[in-house]
Amino acid sequence: GLLANAANGEFDIVVALHACGALSDVALGHAVSNSAGFVITPCCFRSNPFLNVSLPSQDSTSEEVLVRPAMWLGMGEESMVALTSAAELQGDIKNAGEAIHTLCALRAQAVKRNWKDTSTDGSSVSALTVQIKTFPIGFSTRNYCVIGTITDVDKLTF
């Protein structure tokens, strides 16, 4: 789910549980666009291939740019298909788990690559920490979470 501030439409946190396929990337794009923290639990890695990731524009010509998930992750489409197919291997928890971890790591890198440490109005500076965590495999073989925590640097005391 997305929690929005009614006054300005910005998000404070993005939570996506059972975020099928490219929906994980879309959710992370929303977090980047809104400098929001996030908890994303990806699954069904070959699902939603038609979705694009919305990112803030690097210049002032437009508000957002749409990119394919493979581009967001810094890889070619064929490599993306191979990696997401490996993540969907049934009966091979070790190799599927390694592919899932690789996708989570690529997503963490994509967030860091696109993150802006200064708020859109320039009023505050924040630092982002991204972690990959797991939960017990008994709950799901898709047991990875990508978590982004924001620290407001302006409020730190030394």
C-alpha atoms as a PDB file:
ATOM      1  CA  GLY A   1       0.000   0.000   0.000  1.00  0.00           C
ATOM      2  CA  LEU A   2       0.952   3.620  -0.413  1.00  0.00           C
ATOM      3  CA  LEU A   3       0.393   6.113   2.409  1.00  0.00           C
ATOM      4  CA  ALA A   4      -0.099   9.587   0.975  1.00  0.00           C
ATOM      5  CA  ASN A   5      -0.068  13.002   2.584  1.00  0.00           C
ATOM      6  CA  ALA A   6      -3.445  14.447   1.596  1.00  0.00           C
ATOM      7  CA  ALA A   7      -2.062  17.999   1.376  1.00  0.00           C
ATOM      8  CA  ASN A   8       0.641  17.369  -1.229  1.00  0.00           C
ATOM      9  CA  GLY A   9       0.192  13.797  -2.504  1.00  0.00           C
ATOM     10  CA  GLU A  10       3.693  12.708  -1.422  1.00  0.00           C
ATOM     11  CA  PHE A  11       4.320   9.295   0.146  1.00  0.00           C
ATOM     12  CA  ASP A  12       5.995   8.649   3.497  1.00  0.00           C
ATOM     13  CA  ILE A  13       6.388   4.893   3.068  1.00  0.00           C
ATOM     14  CA  VAL A  14       5.766   2.300   0.386  1.00  0.00           C
ATOM     15  CA  VAL A  15       4.788  -1.198   1.510  1.00  0.00           C
ATOM     16  CA  ALA A  16       4.382  -3.895  -1.120  1.00  0.00           C
ATOM     17  CA  LEU A  17       3.777  -7.441   0.101  1.00  0.00           C
ATOM     18  CA  HIS A  18       3.441 -10.162  -2.534  1.00  0.00           C
ATOM     19  CA  ALA A  19       4.557  -7.594  -5.145  1.00  0.00           C
ATOM     20  CA  CYS A  20       4.401  -9.771  -8.245  1.00  0.00           C
ATOM     21  CA  GLY A  21       7.179  -9.379 -10.799  1.00  0.00           C
ATOM     22  CA  ALA A  22       7.741  -5.841 -12.048  1.00  0.00           C
ATOM     23  CA  LEU A  23       5.283  -4.526  -9.453  1.00  0.00           C
ATOM     24  CA  SER A  24       8.227  -4.656  -7.010  1.00  0.00           C
ATOM     25  CA  ASP A  25      10.156  -2.299  -9.299  1.00  0.00           C
ATOM     26  CA  VAL A  26       7.151   0.016  -9.717  1.00  0.00           C
ATOM     27  CA  ALA A  27       6.778   0.245  -5.928  1.00  0.00           C
ATOM     28  CA  LEU A  28      10.481   1.028  -5.531  1.00  0.00           C
ATOM     29  CA  GLY A  29      10.186   3.696  -8.234  1.00  0.00           C
ATOM     30  CA  HIS A  30       7.396   5.327  -6.204  1.00  0.00           C
ATOM     31  CA  ALA A  31       9.628   5.261  -3.120  1.00  0.00           C
ATOM     32  CA  VAL A  32      12.474   6.926  -5.041  1.00  0.00           C
ATOM     33  CA  SER A  33      10.161   9.542  -6.580  1.00  0.00           C
ATOM     34  CA  ASN A  34       8.805  10.477  -3.168  1.00  0.00           C
ATOM     35  CA  SER A  35      11.966  10.013  -1.053  1.00  0.00           C
ATOM     36  CA  ALA A  36       9.968   7.493   0.941  1.00  0.00           C
ATOM     37  CA  GLY A  37      11.040   4.551   3.045  1.00  0.00           C
ATOM     38  CA  PHE A  38       9.941   1.125   1.846  1.00  0.00           C
ATOM     39  CA  VAL A  39       9.410  -2.551   2.594  1.00  0.00           C
ATOM     40  CA  ILE A  40       9.044  -4.652  -0.553  1.00  0.00           C
ATOM     41  CA  THR A  41       8.490  -8.415  -0.599  1.00  0.00           C
ATOM     42  CA  PRO A  42       8.827  -9.590  -4.206  1.00  0.00           C
ATOM     43  CA  CYS A  43       7.348 -12.769  -5.643  1.00  0.00           C
ATOM     44  CA  CYS A  44       6.055 -14.300  -8.897  1.00  0.00           C
ATOM     45  CA  PHE A  45       9.092 -12.924 -10.695  1.00  0.00           C
ATOM     46  CA  ARG A  46       7.820 -13.401 -14.266  1.00  0.00           C
ATOM     47  CA  SER A  47       4.529 -11.538 -13.628  1.00  0.00           C
ATOM     48  CA  ASN A  48       3.485  -8.066 -14.795  1.00  0.00           C
ATOM     49  CA  PRO A  49       6.069  -7.730 -17.592  1.00  0.00           C
ATOM     50  CA  PHE A  50       4.048  -4.882 -19.146  1.00  0.00           C
ATOM     51  CA  LEU A  51       4.651  -2.488 -16.222  1.00  0.00           C
ATOM     52  CA  ASN A  52       7.140   0.399 -16.366  1.00  0.00           C
ATOM     53  CA  VAL A  53       8.982   2.099 -13.515  1.00  0.00           C
ATOM     54  CA  SER A  54       8.192   5.782 -12.974  1.00  0.00           C
ATOM     55  CA  LEU A  55      11.189   7.869 -11.899  1.00  0.00           C
ATOM     56  CA  PRO A  56      11.720  11.581 -11.353  1.00  0.00           C
ATOM     57  CA  SER A  57      13.139  13.411 -14.360  1.00  0.00           C
ATOM     58  CA  GLN A  58      16.824  14.354 -14.227  1.00  0.00           C
ATOM     59  CA  ASP A  59      15.982  17.764 -15.719  1.00  0.00           C
ATOM     60  CA  SER A  60      13.078  20.175 -15.524  1.00  0.00           C
ATOM     61  CA  THR A  61      11.469  19.183 -18.847  1.00  0.00           C
ATOM     62  CA  SER A  62       9.015  16.729 -17.323  1.00  0.00           C
ATOM     63  CA  GLU A  63       7.822  15.411 -13.990  1.00  0.00           C
ATOM     64  CA  GLU A  64       8.598  11.733 -14.559  1.00  0.00           C
ATOM     65  CA  VAL A  65      10.309   9.282 -16.840  1.00  0.00           C
ATOM     66  CA  LEU A  66       9.071   5.759 -17.530  1.00  0.00           C
ATOM     67  CA  VAL A  67      11.691   3.026 -17.882  1.00  0.00           C
ATOM     68  CA  ARG A  68      11.495  -0.706 -18.427  1.00  0.00           C
ATOM     69  CA  PRO A  69      12.289  -2.805 -15.332  1.00  0.00           C
ATOM     70  CA  ALA A  70      15.400  -4.259 -17.008  1.00  0.00           C
ATOM     71  CA  MET A  71      16.747  -0.745 -17.640  1.00  0.00           C
ATOM     72  CA  TRP A  72      15.920   0.247 -14.038  1.00  0.00           C
ATOM     73  CA  LEU A  73      17.965  -2.758 -12.862  1.00  0.00           C
ATOM     74  CA  GLY A  74      20.834  -1.971 -15.251  1.00  0.00           C
ATOM     75  CA  MET A  75      20.553  -5.091 -17.396  1.00  0.00           C
ATOM     76  CA  GLY A  76      19.368  -6.192 -20.827  1.00  0.00           C
ATOM     77  CA  GLU A  77      15.897  -7.635 -21.405  1.00  0.00           C
ATOM     78  CA  GLU A  78      17.278 -11.122 -22.205  1.00  0.00           C
ATOM     79  CA  SER A  79      19.307 -11.186 -18.984  1.00  0.00           C
ATOM     80  CA  MET A  80      16.223 -10.080 -17.072  1.00  0.00           C
ATOM     81  CA  VAL A  81      14.171 -12.944 -18.537  1.00  0.00           C
ATOM     82  CA  ALA A  82      16.914 -15.452 -17.672  1.00  0.00           C
ATOM     83  CA  LEU A  83      17.259 -14.174 -14.091  1.00  0.00           C
ATOM     84  CA  THR A  84      13.519 -14.010 -13.391  1.00  0.00           C
ATOM     85  CA  SER A  85      13.111 -17.494 -14.899  1.00  0.00           C
ATOM     86  CA  ALA A  86      15.809 -18.815 -12.564  1.00  0.00           C
ATOM     87  CA  ALA A  87      13.990 -17.193  -9.613  1.00  0.00           C
ATOM     88  CA  GLU A  88      10.890 -19.187 -10.572  1.00  0.00           C
ATOM     89  CA  LEU A  89      12.642 -22.599 -10.611  1.00  0.00           C
ATOM     90  CA  GLN A  90      10.424 -25.069  -8.824  1.00  0.00           C
ATOM     91  CA  GLY A  91      12.082 -27.772  -6.739  1.00  0.00           C
ATOM     92  CA  ASP A  92      15.472 -26.045  -6.757  1.00  0.00           C
ATOM     93  CA  ILE A  93      15.372 -23.820  -3.676  1.00  0.00           C
ATOM     94  CA  LYS A  94      19.133 -23.159  -3.701  1.00  0.00           C
ATOM     95  CA  ASN A  95      19.383 -21.820  -7.263  1.00  0.00           C
ATOM     96  CA  ALA A  96      16.016 -20.065  -7.120  1.00  0.00           C
ATOM     97  CA  GLY A  97      17.067 -18.443  -3.839  1.00  0.00           C
ATOM     98  CA  GLU A  98      20.321 -17.212  -5.362  1.00  0.00           C
ATOM     99  CA  ALA A  99      18.421 -15.706  -8.295  1.00  0.00           C
ATOM    100  CA  ILE A 100      15.927 -14.056  -5.933  1.00  0.00           C
ATOM    101  CA  HIS A 101      18.759 -12.624  -3.835  1.00  0.00           C
ATOM    102  CA  THR A 102      20.443 -11.316  -7.004  1.00  0.00           C
ATOM    103  CA  LEU A 103      17.205  -9.598  -8.091  1.00  0.00           C
ATOM    104  CA  CYS A 104      16.834  -8.041  -4.628  1.00  0.00           C
ATOM    105  CA  ALA A 105      20.452  -6.828  -4.725  1.00  0.00           C
ATOM    106  CA  LEU A 106      19.925  -5.306  -8.188  1.00  0.00           C
ATOM    107  CA  ARG A 107      16.788  -3.580  -6.905  1.00  0.00           C
ATOM    108  CA  ALA A 108      18.701  -2.207  -3.903  1.00  0.00           C
ATOM    109  CA  GLN A 109      21.402  -0.873  -6.246  1.00  0.00           C
ATOM    110  CA  ALA A 110      18.780   0.687  -8.538  1.00  0.00           C
ATOM    111  CA  VAL A 111      17.228   2.538  -5.606  1.00  0.00           C
ATOM    112  CA  LYS A 112      20.622   3.826  -4.447  1.00  0.00           C
ATOM    113  CA  ARG A 113      21.558   4.856  -7.994  1.00  0.00           C
ATOM    114  CA  ASN A 114      18.367   6.895  -8.423  1.00  0.00           C
ATOM    115  CA  TRP A 115      17.997   8.249  -4.857  1.00  0.00           C
ATOM    116  CA  LYS A 116      18.293  11.992  -4.224  1.00  0.00           C
ATOM    117  CA  ASP A 117      19.555  12.858  -0.733  1.00  0.00           C
ATOM    118  CA  THR A 118      17.911  16.285  -0.772  1.00  0.00           C
ATOM    119  CA  SER A 119      14.156  16.800  -0.595  1.00  0.00           C
ATOM    120  CA  THR A 120      12.411  18.190  -3.688  1.00  0.00           C
ATOM    121  CA  ASP A 121      12.070  21.610  -2.074  1.00  0.00           C
ATOM    122  CA  GLY A 122      15.680  21.596  -0.810  1.00  0.00           C
ATOM    123  CA  SER A 123      14.573  21.952   2.801  1.00  0.00           C
ATOM    124  CA  SER A 124      16.100  18.783   4.231  1.00  0.00           C
ATOM    125  CA  VAL A 125      18.782  16.206   3.623  1.00  0.00           C
ATOM    126  CA  SER A 126      18.187  12.515   4.200  1.00  0.00           C
ATOM    127  CA  ALA A 127      20.365   9.445   4.073  1.00  0.00           C
ATOM    128  CA  LEU A 128      19.042   6.140   2.761  1.00  0.00           C
ATOM    129  CA  THR A 129      20.017   2.712   4.071  1.00  0.00           C
ATOM    130  CA  VAL A 130      18.904  -0.285   2.002  1.00  0.00           C
ATOM    131  CA  GLN A 131      18.943  -3.818   3.397  1.00  0.00           C
ATOM    132  CA  ILE A 132      17.972  -7.236   2.118  1.00  0.00           C
ATOM    133  CA  LYS A 133      16.373  -9.340   4.826  1.00  0.00           C
ATOM    134  CA  THR A 134      14.854 -12.810   4.904  1.00  0.00           C
ATOM    135  CA  PHE A 135      12.120 -14.380   6.962  1.00  0.00           C
ATOM    136  CA  PRO A 136      11.697 -18.109   7.713  1.00  0.00           C
ATOM    137  CA  ILE A 137      11.338 -20.140   4.521  1.00  0.00           C
ATOM    138  CA  GLY A 138       8.482 -22.068   6.155  1.00  0.00           C
ATOM    139  CA  PHE A 139       6.261 -19.050   5.449  1.00  0.00           C
ATOM    140  CA  SER A 140       7.273 -18.808   1.776  1.00  0.00           C
ATOM    141  CA  THR A 141      10.083 -19.852  -0.535  1.00  0.00           C
ATOM    142  CA  ARG A 142       9.950 -16.221  -1.742  1.00  0.00           C
ATOM    143  CA  ASN A 143      11.257 -15.135   1.653  1.00  0.00           C
ATOM    144  CA  TYR A 144      13.209 -11.964   0.834  1.00  0.00           C
ATOM    145  CA  CYS A 145      12.414  -8.330   1.676  1.00  0.00           C
ATOM    146  CA  VAL A 146      14.077  -5.170   0.390  1.00  0.00           C
ATOM    147  CA  ILE A 147      13.906  -2.528   3.104  1.00  0.00           C
ATOM    148  CA  GLY A 148      14.768   1.158   2.800  1.00  0.00           C
ATOM    149  CA  THR A 149      15.180   3.269   5.930  1.00  0.00           C
ATOM    150  CA  ILE A 150      15.581   7.023   5.796  1.00  0.00           C
ATOM    151  CA  THR A 151      17.486   9.070   8.337  1.00  0.00           C
ATOM    152  CA  ASP A 152      16.806  12.818   8.410  1.00  0.00           C
ATOM    153  CA  VAL A 153      20.377  14.133   8.564  1.00  0.00           C
ATOM    154  CA  ASP A 154      19.208  17.606   9.614  1.00  0.00           C
ATOM    155  CA  LYS A 155      17.854  16.176  12.894  1.00  0.00           C
ATOM    156  CA  LEU A 156      20.985  14.265  13.887  1.00  0.00           C
ATOM    157  CA  THR A 157      22.973  15.669  16.791  1.00  0.00           C
ATOM    158  CA  PHE A 158      26.696  15.250  17.160  1.00  0.00           C
END
